[in-house]
Amino acid sequence: MTAPEGRGIAESWGSSRTESGGSTSTFRILHVSTGNVCRSPITERLTRHALSDRLGDPLTGGLIVESAGTWGHEGAPMEANAEIVLADFGADATGFVGRELLDEHVIRADLVLTATRDHRAQVISMGHSAGLRTFTLKEFTRLVRAIDTATLPDPREGVVERARALVRAAAALRGWLLAPSPDADEVYDPYGAPITFFRSIGDEINQALDPVVTALTGVPARH
């Protein structure tokens, strides 16, 4: 299936593949929430914005960022308040189209980051050997903070290989670095909430993404 507008780049599926189904020349990040109109669109577009800030053009480095929902509103625009949050960060909401999470999205993803533990469980229950590459966003952030990035491949020699190594390192740490509380890995749903709550969720997501994007690219944020 061709990716909807604004979802990445066309690529040749005849090229060599990884075990997850992704291309060896690209690294595909999939953000998952429930409706794919609030949390995962915010996370997708903030990730793209942060990568562009670090790399100039993330597609040049082979990074593709997408999102979907476990009960995705297929073809729907993102919530208006989500667009406002993205504008607050200078991120682009243009061209976003909601979609329901399908097997092929999980198969093609090299890293799946979910809003909640329930979403993570749903992705893993779909199979496709997704367990070792599926985390909640905040869980992945916690694990990434514990990784010595000096042990990862030099990003100047390829961000894709560095990203793959980061996921392997995070998966190896998962059983050793547990959440401090049951709710520590959750990003709560702002659907139907006022803009103030959307903005607080946007801040949570942005703070969680910062160390992840820094570890992926080897480039800190410009403040």
Protein backbone atom coordinates (compact mmCIF):
# COMPACT_ATOMS: atom_id res chain seq x y z
CA MET A 1 0.00 0.00 0.00
CA THR A 2 1.31 3.44 -0.84
CA ALA A 3 1.87 5.63 2.19
CA PRO A 4 -0.65 8.48 2.43
CA GLU A 5 0.48 12.01 1.64
CA GLY A 6 2.92 13.39 4.17
CA ARG A 7 3.84 9.96 5.49
CA GLY A 8 7.36 9.57 4.22
CA ILE A 9 9.01 8.77 0.93
CA ALA A 10 8.45 6.21 -1.78
CA GLU A 11 11.05 3.48 -1.83
CA SER A 12 11.88 0.31 -3.68
CA TRP A 13 10.62 -2.74 -1.81
CA GLY A 14 12.89 -4.92 -3.88
CA SER A 15 15.86 -3.79 -1.79
CA SER A 16 17.26 -5.93 1.02
CA ARG A 17 15.15 -6.03 4.18
CA THR A 18 15.73 -6.30 7.90
CA GLU A 19 14.09 -8.94 10.10
CA SER A 20 11.37 -6.43 11.02
CA GLY A 21 10.54 -5.95 7.36
CA GLY A 22 12.15 -2.51 7.09
CA SER A 23 14.63 -1.51 4.41
CA THR A 24 18.31 -1.74 5.30
CA SER A 25 18.78 1.78 3.91
CA THR A 26 16.01 3.37 5.98
CA PHE A 27 14.86 3.40 9.58
CA ARG A 28 11.11 3.72 10.06
CA ILE A 29 9.68 5.08 13.35
CA LEU A 30 5.99 4.41 13.99
CA HIS A 31 4.10 6.35 16.68
CA VAL A 32 0.90 4.71 17.94
CA SER A 33 -2.02 6.01 19.99
CA THR A 34 -5.77 5.32 19.92
CA GLY A 35 -7.48 7.55 17.36
CA ASN A 36 -4.41 8.90 15.52
CA VAL A 37 -5.83 12.40 15.82
CA CYS A 38 -4.16 13.72 19.02
CA ARG A 39 -1.15 12.10 20.67
CA SER A 40 0.43 10.18 17.81
CA PRO A 41 0.08 13.04 15.28
CA ILE A 42 1.69 15.41 17.78
CA THR A 43 4.49 12.91 18.42
CA GLU A 44 4.99 12.18 14.71
CA ARG A 45 5.27 15.81 13.72
CA LEU A 46 7.38 16.84 16.74
CA THR A 47 9.77 13.99 15.91
CA ARG A 48 10.05 15.17 12.32
CA HIS A 49 10.56 18.74 13.49
CA ALA A 50 13.31 17.72 15.91
CA LEU A 51 15.05 15.55 13.32
CA SER A 52 14.95 18.38 10.79
CA ASP A 53 16.44 20.70 13.40
CA ARG A 54 19.33 18.26 13.97
CA LEU A 55 19.87 16.85 10.46
CA GLY A 56 18.45 19.43 8.08
CA ASP A 57 16.54 16.77 6.12
CA PRO A 58 15.84 13.52 8.04
CA LEU A 59 15.00 11.67 4.83
CA THR A 60 18.55 12.26 3.65
CA GLY A 61 19.69 10.23 6.64
CA GLY A 62 17.14 7.51 5.91
CA LEU A 63 14.78 8.25 8.82
CA ILE A 64 11.03 7.99 8.12
CA VAL A 65 8.47 8.98 10.78
CA GLU A 66 4.84 7.82 10.67
CA SER A 67 1.87 7.27 12.99
CA ALA A 68 -1.33 5.24 13.27
CA GLY A 69 -4.08 4.49 15.78
CA THR A 70 -5.30 1.23 17.29
CA TRP A 71 -8.80 2.61 16.69
CA GLY A 72 -7.58 5.04 14.09
CA HIS A 73 -9.92 7.54 12.47
CA GLU A 74 -9.03 6.59 8.90
CA GLY A 75 -8.72 9.67 6.70
CA ALA A 76 -9.46 12.13 9.52
CA PRO A 77 -7.52 15.34 10.14
CA MET A 78 -5.78 15.78 13.45
CA GLU A 79 -7.64 17.58 16.21
CA ALA A 80 -7.55 21.38 15.98
CA ASN A 81 -5.95 21.64 19.42
CA ALA A 82 -3.21 19.24 18.29
CA GLU A 83 -2.47 21.57 15.40
CA ILE A 84 -2.23 24.49 17.83
CA VAL A 85 0.25 22.56 19.98
CA LEU A 86 2.40 21.80 16.94
CA ALA A 87 2.33 25.46 15.94
CA ASP A 88 3.54 26.36 19.45
CA PHE A 89 6.69 24.32 18.75
CA GLY A 90 7.08 25.56 15.20
CA ALA A 91 6.21 22.12 13.82
CA ASP A 92 4.23 21.51 10.64
CA ALA A 93 0.77 19.90 10.71
CA THR A 94 0.27 20.17 6.94
CA GLY A 95 -1.00 17.14 5.02
CA PHE A 96 -1.71 14.94 8.03
CA VAL A 97 -4.24 12.13 7.46
CA GLY A 98 -5.31 9.77 10.25
CA ARG A 99 -5.09 6.03 9.71
CA GLU A 100 -5.90 2.79 11.47
CA LEU A 101 -3.01 0.61 12.59
CA LEU A 102 -2.51 -2.30 10.19
CA ASP A 103 -0.22 -5.32 10.21
CA GLU A 104 1.88 -3.82 7.43
CA HIS A 105 2.64 -0.73 9.52
CA VAL A 106 4.09 -2.91 12.28
CA ILE A 107 5.94 -5.14 9.83
CA ARG A 108 7.64 -2.16 8.18
CA ALA A 109 8.52 -0.35 11.42
CA ASP A 110 12.01 -0.55 12.91
CA LEU A 111 10.89 1.19 16.10
CA VAL A 112 7.34 1.45 17.44
CA LEU A 113 6.71 4.07 20.15
CA THR A 114 3.29 4.00 21.79
CA ALA A 115 1.45 6.46 23.99
CA THR A 116 0.53 3.88 26.65
CA ARG A 117 1.29 0.38 27.87
CA ASP A 118 -2.06 -0.80 26.50
CA HIS A 119 -1.08 0.41 23.04
CA ARG A 120 2.25 -1.37 23.37
CA ALA A 121 0.48 -4.59 24.32
CA GLN A 122 -1.85 -4.27 21.34
CA VAL A 123 1.06 -3.80 18.92
CA ILE A 124 2.92 -6.77 20.36
CA SER A 125 -0.23 -8.93 20.21
CA MET A 126 -0.28 -8.39 16.44
CA GLY A 127 2.84 -10.54 16.23
CA HIS A 128 5.47 -9.86 13.56
CA SER A 129 8.26 -10.22 16.18
CA ALA A 130 7.42 -6.73 17.35
CA GLY A 131 8.24 -7.18 21.03
CA LEU A 132 11.91 -6.17 20.89
CA ARG A 133 11.22 -2.99 18.90
CA THR A 134 8.04 -1.77 20.60
CA PHE A 135 8.15 0.53 23.62
CA THR A 136 6.03 3.24 25.14
CA LEU A 137 7.55 6.62 24.32
CA LYS A 138 8.42 7.37 27.94
CA GLU A 139 9.79 3.87 28.49
CA PHE A 140 12.10 4.27 25.51
CA THR A 141 13.22 7.67 26.79
CA ARG A 142 14.09 6.18 30.19
CA LEU A 143 16.09 3.38 28.58
CA VAL A 144 17.86 5.69 26.14
CA ARG A 145 18.99 7.94 29.00
CA ALA A 146 20.79 4.93 30.51
CA ILE A 147 22.67 4.03 27.32
CA ASP A 148 26.25 5.18 26.80
CA THR A 149 25.88 6.67 23.34
CA ALA A 150 29.66 6.44 22.88
CA THR A 151 29.09 2.70 22.36
CA LEU A 152 26.79 3.37 19.38
CA PRO A 153 27.94 3.71 15.76
CA ASP A 154 29.15 7.17 14.80
CA PRO A 155 26.17 9.01 13.24
CA ARG A 156 28.51 10.55 10.67
CA GLU A 157 28.90 7.05 9.26
CA GLY A 158 25.15 6.49 9.06
CA VAL A 159 22.19 7.40 11.28
CA VAL A 160 20.29 4.24 10.29
CA GLU A 161 22.88 1.86 11.77
CA ARG A 162 23.10 4.02 14.88
CA ALA A 163 19.31 3.90 15.25
CA ARG A 164 19.23 0.11 14.93
CA ALA A 165 21.95 -0.22 17.57
CA LEU A 166 20.05 2.13 19.88
CA VAL A 167 16.91 -0.04 19.68
CA ARG A 168 18.92 -3.20 20.40
CA ALA A 169 20.58 -1.55 23.40
CA ALA A 170 17.25 -0.32 24.76
CA ALA A 171 15.67 -3.77 24.39
CA ALA A 172 18.57 -5.32 26.31
CA LEU A 173 18.06 -2.89 29.19
CA ARG A 174 14.29 -3.24 29.46
CA GLY A 175 14.23 -5.96 32.12
CA TRP A 176 16.83 -4.16 34.24
CA LEU A 177 15.49 -0.61 34.28
CA LEU A 178 11.88 -0.66 35.38
CA ALA A 179 9.43 2.22 35.57
CA PRO A 180 9.37 4.00 38.95
CA SER A 181 5.56 3.80 39.00
CA PRO A 182 2.78 2.15 36.96
CA ASP A 183 1.85 5.48 35.36
CA ALA A 184 5.38 6.66 34.60
CA ASP A 185 5.27 5.33 31.03
CA GLU A 186 1.85 6.73 30.10
CA VAL A 187 0.97 9.72 27.92
CA TYR A 188 -2.67 10.45 28.69
CA ASP A 189 -5.29 11.12 26.04
CA PRO A 190 -6.21 14.81 25.64
CA TYR A 191 -9.08 14.08 23.24
CA GLY A 192 -11.95 16.48 24.02
CA ALA A 193 -9.90 18.36 26.62
CA PRO A 194 -9.22 22.12 26.61
CA ILE A 195 -6.13 23.54 24.94
CA THR A 196 -4.34 23.89 28.29
CA PHE A 197 -4.33 20.10 28.72
CA PHE A 198 -3.27 19.59 25.09
CA ARG A 199 -0.35 21.92 25.71
CA SER A 200 0.70 20.02 28.83
CA ILE A 201 0.62 16.76 26.85
CA GLY A 202 2.59 18.44 24.06
CA ASP A 203 5.23 19.49 26.60
CA GLU A 204 5.42 15.93 27.96
CA ILE A 205 5.87 14.49 24.50
CA ASN A 206 8.47 17.07 23.51
CA GLN A 207 10.49 16.48 26.67
CA ALA A 208 10.37 12.72 26.12
CA LEU A 209 11.45 13.05 22.49
CA ASP A 210 14.46 15.30 23.09
CA PRO A 211 16.88 12.68 24.49
CA VAL A 212 15.64 10.12 21.95
CA VAL A 213 16.33 12.35 18.96
CA THR A 214 19.67 13.40 20.44
CA ALA A 215 20.67 9.75 20.84
CA LEU A 216 19.47 8.88 17.34
CA THR A 217 21.34 11.68 15.63
CA GLY A 218 24.24 12.38 17.95
CA VAL A 219 23.27 16.05 17.75
CA PRO A 220 21.87 17.94 20.78
CA ALA A 221 18.96 20.34 20.45
CA ARG A 222 19.72 23.96 19.65
CA HIS A 223 18.41 26.05 22.51
